[in-house]
Amino acid sequence: MRPLTVLAACIAVSLGAVPTIVHAQIVAENDSMDSKTIWEKIKGSWNQTKGAVKEQWGKLTDDDLLEIEGRRDQLIGKIQVRYGYTREQAEQSVGSWERTHARDM
């Protein structure tokens, strides 16, 4: 069985499949770590960040902001409710906002 596994790995490498998969996993891990780090900082300075969130998503109420408390998943949920976005649209909106505000952190 082992020679068959080695042969399959060699074929996959020659076709470029394995490096692509490995690269995608590394990129995804780095992106999630960056997002996680950003949201740890946002949560820690939520009182200062609320203004930027309110500026971006003006339909969010003060009660929404109190409930969110710097939690990304809560923000996405509130954006879905207030703006009628799908989960994907809300995540994309928050992701764009993260990239813009990550430079300020």
N, C-alpha and C. Protein backbone atom coordinates (compact mmCIF):
# COMPACT_ATOMS: atom_id res chain seq x y z
N MET A 1 0.83 -1.20 0.00
CA MET A 1 0.00 0.00 0.00
C MET A 1 0.87 1.25 0.00
N ARG A 2 1.96 1.25 0.72
CA ARG A 2 2.82 2.43 0.82
C ARG A 2 3.36 2.88 -0.54
N PRO A 3 3.87 1.94 -1.43
CA PRO A 3 4.34 2.39 -2.74
C PRO A 3 3.24 3.09 -3.54
N LEU A 4 2.01 2.64 -3.37
CA LEU A 4 0.90 3.26 -4.07
C LEU A 4 0.67 4.70 -3.57
N THR A 5 0.80 4.89 -2.28
CA THR A 5 0.63 6.22 -1.68
C THR A 5 1.72 7.16 -2.17
N VAL A 6 2.96 6.66 -2.21
CA VAL A 6 4.09 7.47 -2.68
C VAL A 6 3.89 7.85 -4.14
N LEU A 7 3.46 6.88 -4.94
CA LEU A 7 3.20 7.14 -6.36
C LEU A 7 2.11 8.19 -6.53
N ALA A 8 1.04 8.07 -5.77
CA ALA A 8 -0.05 9.05 -5.85
C ALA A 8 0.42 10.44 -5.45
N ALA A 9 1.26 10.51 -4.42
CA ALA A 9 1.81 11.79 -3.98
C ALA A 9 2.70 12.40 -5.05
N CYS A 10 3.52 11.57 -5.70
CA CYS A 10 4.40 12.06 -6.77
C CYS A 10 3.59 12.61 -7.93
N ILE A 11 2.52 11.91 -8.28
CA ILE A 11 1.66 12.37 -9.37
C ILE A 11 1.00 13.69 -8.99
N ALA A 12 0.52 13.77 -7.78
CA ALA A 12 -0.14 15.01 -7.32
C ALA A 12 0.83 16.17 -7.33
N VAL A 13 2.06 15.94 -6.88
CA VAL A 13 3.06 17.01 -6.86
C VAL A 13 3.38 17.43 -8.28
N SER A 14 3.53 16.48 -9.18
CA SER A 14 3.86 16.82 -10.56
C SER A 14 2.74 17.61 -11.22
N LEU A 15 1.51 17.38 -10.79
CA LEU A 15 0.38 18.12 -11.33
C LEU A 15 0.16 19.44 -10.61
N GLY A 16 0.87 19.65 -9.49
CA GLY A 16 0.75 20.90 -8.76
C GLY A 16 -0.41 20.95 -7.79
N ALA A 17 -1.08 19.85 -7.55
CA ALA A 17 -2.27 19.86 -6.68
C ALA A 17 -1.92 20.05 -5.22
N VAL A 18 -0.92 19.34 -4.74
CA VAL A 18 -0.58 19.41 -3.32
C VAL A 18 -0.07 20.79 -2.92
N PRO A 19 0.88 21.39 -3.68
CA PRO A 19 1.32 22.73 -3.27
C PRO A 19 0.19 23.74 -3.22
N THR A 20 -0.76 23.65 -4.13
CA THR A 20 -1.89 24.57 -4.13
C THR A 20 -2.73 24.38 -2.88
N ILE A 21 -3.01 23.14 -2.54
CA ILE A 21 -3.82 22.85 -1.36
C ILE A 21 -3.11 23.33 -0.10
N VAL A 22 -1.82 23.02 0.01
CA VAL A 22 -1.05 23.44 1.18
C VAL A 22 -1.00 24.94 1.26
N HIS A 23 -0.76 25.61 0.14
CA HIS A 23 -0.71 27.07 0.13
C HIS A 23 -2.05 27.66 0.56
N ALA A 24 -3.14 27.11 0.06
CA ALA A 24 -4.47 27.60 0.43
C ALA A 24 -4.72 27.46 1.92
N GLN A 25 -4.28 26.35 2.51
CA GLN A 25 -4.46 26.15 3.94
C GLN A 25 -3.64 27.17 4.73
N ILE A 26 -2.41 27.41 4.30
CA ILE A 26 -1.56 28.37 5.00
C ILE A 26 -2.14 29.77 4.90
N VAL A 27 -2.59 30.16 3.71
CA VAL A 27 -3.19 31.48 3.53
C VAL A 27 -4.43 31.62 4.40
N ALA A 28 -5.28 30.60 4.42
CA ALA A 28 -6.51 30.64 5.22
C ALA A 28 -6.18 30.76 6.70
N GLU A 29 -5.17 30.03 7.17
CA GLU A 29 -4.79 30.11 8.58
C GLU A 29 -4.26 31.49 8.91
N ASN A 30 -3.44 32.08 8.04
CA ASN A 30 -2.91 33.42 8.28
C ASN A 30 -4.03 34.45 8.30
N ASP A 31 -5.00 34.33 7.35
CA ASP A 31 -6.11 35.27 7.32
C ASP A 31 -6.94 35.19 8.59
N SER A 32 -7.23 33.96 9.06
CA SER A 32 -8.04 33.83 10.25
C SER A 32 -7.29 34.31 11.48
N MET A 33 -5.99 34.10 11.52
CA MET A 33 -5.20 34.59 12.65
C MET A 33 -5.20 36.11 12.64
N ASP A 34 -5.07 36.73 11.47
CA ASP A 34 -5.09 38.18 11.39
C ASP A 34 -6.44 38.72 11.84
N SER A 35 -7.50 38.10 11.37
CA SER A 35 -8.84 38.53 11.76
C SER A 35 -9.05 38.35 13.25
N LYS A 36 -8.57 37.23 13.77
CA LYS A 36 -8.71 36.97 15.20
C LYS A 36 -7.96 38.03 16.02
N THR A 37 -6.77 38.37 15.58
CA THR A 37 -5.97 39.39 16.26
C THR A 37 -6.66 40.75 16.20
N ILE A 38 -7.17 41.07 15.02
CA ILE A 38 -7.87 42.35 14.85
C ILE A 38 -9.06 42.42 15.80
N TRP A 39 -9.83 41.34 15.90
CA TRP A 39 -11.03 41.37 16.73
C TRP A 39 -10.72 41.32 18.21
N GLU A 40 -9.57 40.78 18.58
CA GLU A 40 -9.16 40.87 19.98
C GLU A 40 -8.89 42.33 20.33
N LYS A 41 -8.25 43.04 19.41
CA LYS A 41 -7.98 44.46 19.64
C LYS A 41 -9.26 45.28 19.64
N ILE A 42 -10.16 44.96 18.71
CA ILE A 42 -11.44 45.67 18.64
C ILE A 42 -12.24 45.46 19.92
N LYS A 43 -12.27 44.22 20.38
CA LYS A 43 -13.01 43.93 21.61
C LYS A 43 -12.42 44.68 22.80
N GLY A 44 -11.10 44.76 22.84
CA GLY A 44 -10.44 45.46 23.94
C GLY A 44 -10.68 46.96 23.93
N SER A 45 -10.91 47.52 22.75
CA SER A 45 -11.14 48.96 22.67
C SER A 45 -12.52 49.25 22.07
N TRP A 46 -13.49 48.47 22.46
CA TRP A 46 -14.81 48.56 21.87
C TRP A 46 -15.44 49.94 22.02
N ASN A 47 -15.25 50.58 23.16
CA ASN A 47 -15.85 51.90 23.34
C ASN A 47 -15.34 52.90 22.31
N GLN A 48 -14.06 52.82 21.94
CA GLN A 48 -13.51 53.70 20.92
C GLN A 48 -13.93 53.25 19.51
N THR A 49 -14.09 51.96 19.33
CA THR A 49 -14.40 51.41 18.01
C THR A 49 -15.86 51.58 17.64
N LYS A 50 -16.72 51.71 18.63
CA LYS A 50 -18.16 51.83 18.37
C LYS A 50 -18.48 52.97 17.41
N GLY A 51 -17.74 54.05 17.53
CA GLY A 51 -17.98 55.20 16.65
C GLY A 51 -17.73 54.86 15.19
N ALA A 52 -16.64 54.14 14.93
CA ALA A 52 -16.32 53.74 13.55
C ALA A 52 -17.36 52.75 13.02
N VAL A 53 -17.83 51.87 13.89
CA VAL A 53 -18.86 50.90 13.49
C VAL A 53 -20.16 51.63 13.17
N LYS A 54 -20.53 52.55 14.02
CA LYS A 54 -21.76 53.32 13.82
C LYS A 54 -21.66 54.17 12.54
N GLU A 55 -20.48 54.69 12.28
CA GLU A 55 -20.27 55.48 11.06
C GLU A 55 -20.44 54.61 9.81
N GLN A 56 -19.94 53.39 9.86
CA GLN A 56 -20.04 52.48 8.72
C GLN A 56 -21.46 51.93 8.55
N TRP A 57 -22.07 51.55 9.65
CA TRP A 57 -23.40 50.93 9.60
C TRP A 57 -24.35 51.75 10.48
N GLY A 58 -24.82 52.85 9.94
CA GLY A 58 -25.63 53.81 10.68
C GLY A 58 -26.98 53.28 11.16
N LYS A 59 -27.46 52.18 10.57
CA LYS A 59 -28.74 51.63 11.00
C LYS A 59 -28.63 50.86 12.31
N LEU A 60 -27.41 50.58 12.76
CA LEU A 60 -27.25 49.89 14.05
C LEU A 60 -27.59 50.85 15.18
N THR A 61 -28.35 50.38 16.12
CA THR A 61 -28.76 51.21 17.25
C THR A 61 -27.71 51.14 18.37
N ASP A 62 -27.85 52.03 19.33
CA ASP A 62 -26.96 51.99 20.49
C ASP A 62 -27.13 50.67 21.25
N ASP A 63 -28.36 50.18 21.30
CA ASP A 63 -28.60 48.89 21.95
C ASP A 63 -27.90 47.76 21.19
N ASP A 64 -27.91 47.83 19.86
CA ASP A 64 -27.19 46.84 19.06
C ASP A 64 -25.71 46.85 19.42
N LEU A 65 -25.14 48.05 19.50
CA LEU A 65 -23.72 48.18 19.80
C LEU A 65 -23.38 47.65 21.19
N LEU A 66 -24.29 47.88 22.14
CA LEU A 66 -24.08 47.33 23.49
C LEU A 66 -24.10 45.80 23.46
N GLU A 67 -25.00 45.25 22.66
CA GLU A 67 -25.11 43.80 22.57
C GLU A 67 -23.92 43.17 21.83
N ILE A 68 -23.42 43.86 20.84
CA ILE A 68 -22.31 43.34 20.03
C ILE A 68 -21.04 43.20 20.87
N GLU A 69 -20.73 44.21 21.66
CA GLU A 69 -19.57 44.21 22.57
C GLU A 69 -18.27 43.73 21.92
N GLY A 70 -18.04 44.13 20.67
CA GLY A 70 -16.79 43.79 20.01
C GLY A 70 -16.71 42.38 19.47
N ARG A 71 -17.84 41.69 19.38
CA ARG A 71 -17.84 40.32 18.85
C ARG A 71 -18.25 40.32 17.38
N ARG A 72 -17.35 39.80 16.56
CA ARG A 72 -17.54 39.81 15.11
C ARG A 72 -18.84 39.11 14.70
N ASP A 73 -19.08 37.95 15.24
CA ASP A 73 -20.28 37.19 14.86
C ASP A 73 -21.56 37.94 15.21
N GLN A 74 -21.54 38.66 16.33
CA GLN A 74 -22.71 39.45 16.71
C GLN A 74 -22.90 40.62 15.75
N LEU A 75 -21.80 41.25 15.35
CA LEU A 75 -21.87 42.36 14.40
C LEU A 75 -22.46 41.88 13.08
N ILE A 76 -21.98 40.75 12.60
CA ILE A 76 -22.49 40.20 11.34
C ILE A 76 -24.00 39.93 11.45
N GLY A 77 -24.42 39.35 12.56
CA GLY A 77 -25.84 39.07 12.76
C GLY A 77 -26.69 40.34 12.78
N LYS A 78 -26.21 41.36 13.46
CA LYS A 78 -26.97 42.61 13.53
C LYS A 78 -27.04 43.30 12.17
N ILE A 79 -25.96 43.22 11.40
CA ILE A 79 -25.96 43.80 10.06
C ILE A 79 -26.97 43.07 9.17
N GLN A 80 -27.03 41.76 9.32
CA GLN A 80 -28.01 40.97 8.56
C GLN A 80 -29.43 41.46 8.86
N VAL A 81 -29.71 41.63 10.14
CA VAL A 81 -31.06 42.03 10.56
C VAL A 81 -31.39 43.45 10.09
N ARG A 82 -30.51 44.39 10.36
CA ARG A 82 -30.79 45.80 10.07
C ARG A 82 -30.79 46.13 8.58
N TYR A 83 -29.92 45.45 7.81
CA TYR A 83 -29.78 45.77 6.40
C TYR A 83 -30.42 44.73 5.47
N GLY A 84 -30.91 43.64 6.01
CA GLY A 84 -31.51 42.60 5.19
C GLY A 84 -30.50 41.86 4.33
N TYR A 85 -29.25 41.84 4.78
CA TYR A 85 -28.18 41.16 4.05
C TYR A 85 -28.23 39.66 4.31
N THR A 86 -27.69 38.90 3.36
CA THR A 86 -27.44 37.49 3.62
C THR A 86 -26.22 37.40 4.52
N ARG A 87 -25.99 36.24 5.09
CA ARG A 87 -24.81 36.05 5.95
C ARG A 87 -23.53 36.37 5.16
N GLU A 88 -23.49 35.91 3.92
CA GLU A 88 -22.31 36.15 3.07
C GLU A 88 -22.09 37.64 2.82
N GLN A 89 -23.16 38.37 2.53
CA GLN A 89 -23.05 39.81 2.29
C GLN A 89 -22.56 40.53 3.54
N ALA A 90 -23.08 40.14 4.69
CA ALA A 90 -22.68 40.78 5.95
C ALA A 90 -21.21 40.47 6.25
N GLU A 91 -20.79 39.23 6.04
CA GLU A 91 -19.39 38.86 6.27
C GLU A 91 -18.47 39.62 5.33
N GLN A 92 -18.88 39.78 4.10
CA GLN A 92 -18.08 40.52 3.13
C GLN A 92 -17.97 41.99 3.55
N SER A 93 -19.06 42.56 4.01
CA SER A 93 -19.06 43.94 4.46
C SER A 93 -18.14 44.13 5.65
N VAL A 94 -18.23 43.23 6.62
CA VAL A 94 -17.37 43.31 7.81
C VAL A 94 -15.91 43.07 7.42
N GLY A 95 -15.66 42.12 6.52
CA GLY A 95 -14.30 41.86 6.07
C GLY A 95 -13.67 43.07 5.42
N SER A 96 -14.42 43.76 4.60
CA SER A 96 -13.94 44.98 3.96
C SER A 96 -13.63 46.05 5.01
N TRP A 97 -14.52 46.19 5.96
CA TRP A 97 -14.32 47.16 7.05
C TRP A 97 -13.08 46.80 7.87
N GLU A 98 -12.89 45.51 8.14
CA GLU A 98 -11.71 45.05 8.89
C GLU A 98 -10.43 45.46 8.19
N ARG A 99 -10.36 45.20 6.88
CA ARG A 99 -9.14 45.53 6.13
C ARG A 99 -8.85 47.02 6.17
N THR A 100 -9.90 47.81 6.10
CA THR A 100 -9.73 49.27 6.14
C THR A 100 -9.25 49.72 7.51
N HIS A 101 -9.82 49.18 8.56
CA HIS A 101 -9.50 49.62 9.92
C HIS A 101 -8.32 48.91 10.54
N ALA A 102 -7.87 47.81 9.96
CA ALA A 102 -6.72 47.10 10.50
C ALA A 102 -5.47 47.97 10.40
N ARG A 103 -5.43 48.82 9.39
CA ARG A 103 -4.27 49.72 9.24
C ARG A 103 -4.17 50.71 10.39
N ASP A 104 -5.30 51.05 10.97
CA ASP A 104 -5.33 52.03 12.07
C ASP A 104 -4.94 51.44 13.41
N MET A 105 -4.85 50.11 13.49
CA MET A 105 -4.60 49.46 14.78
C MET A 105 -3.14 49.26 15.02
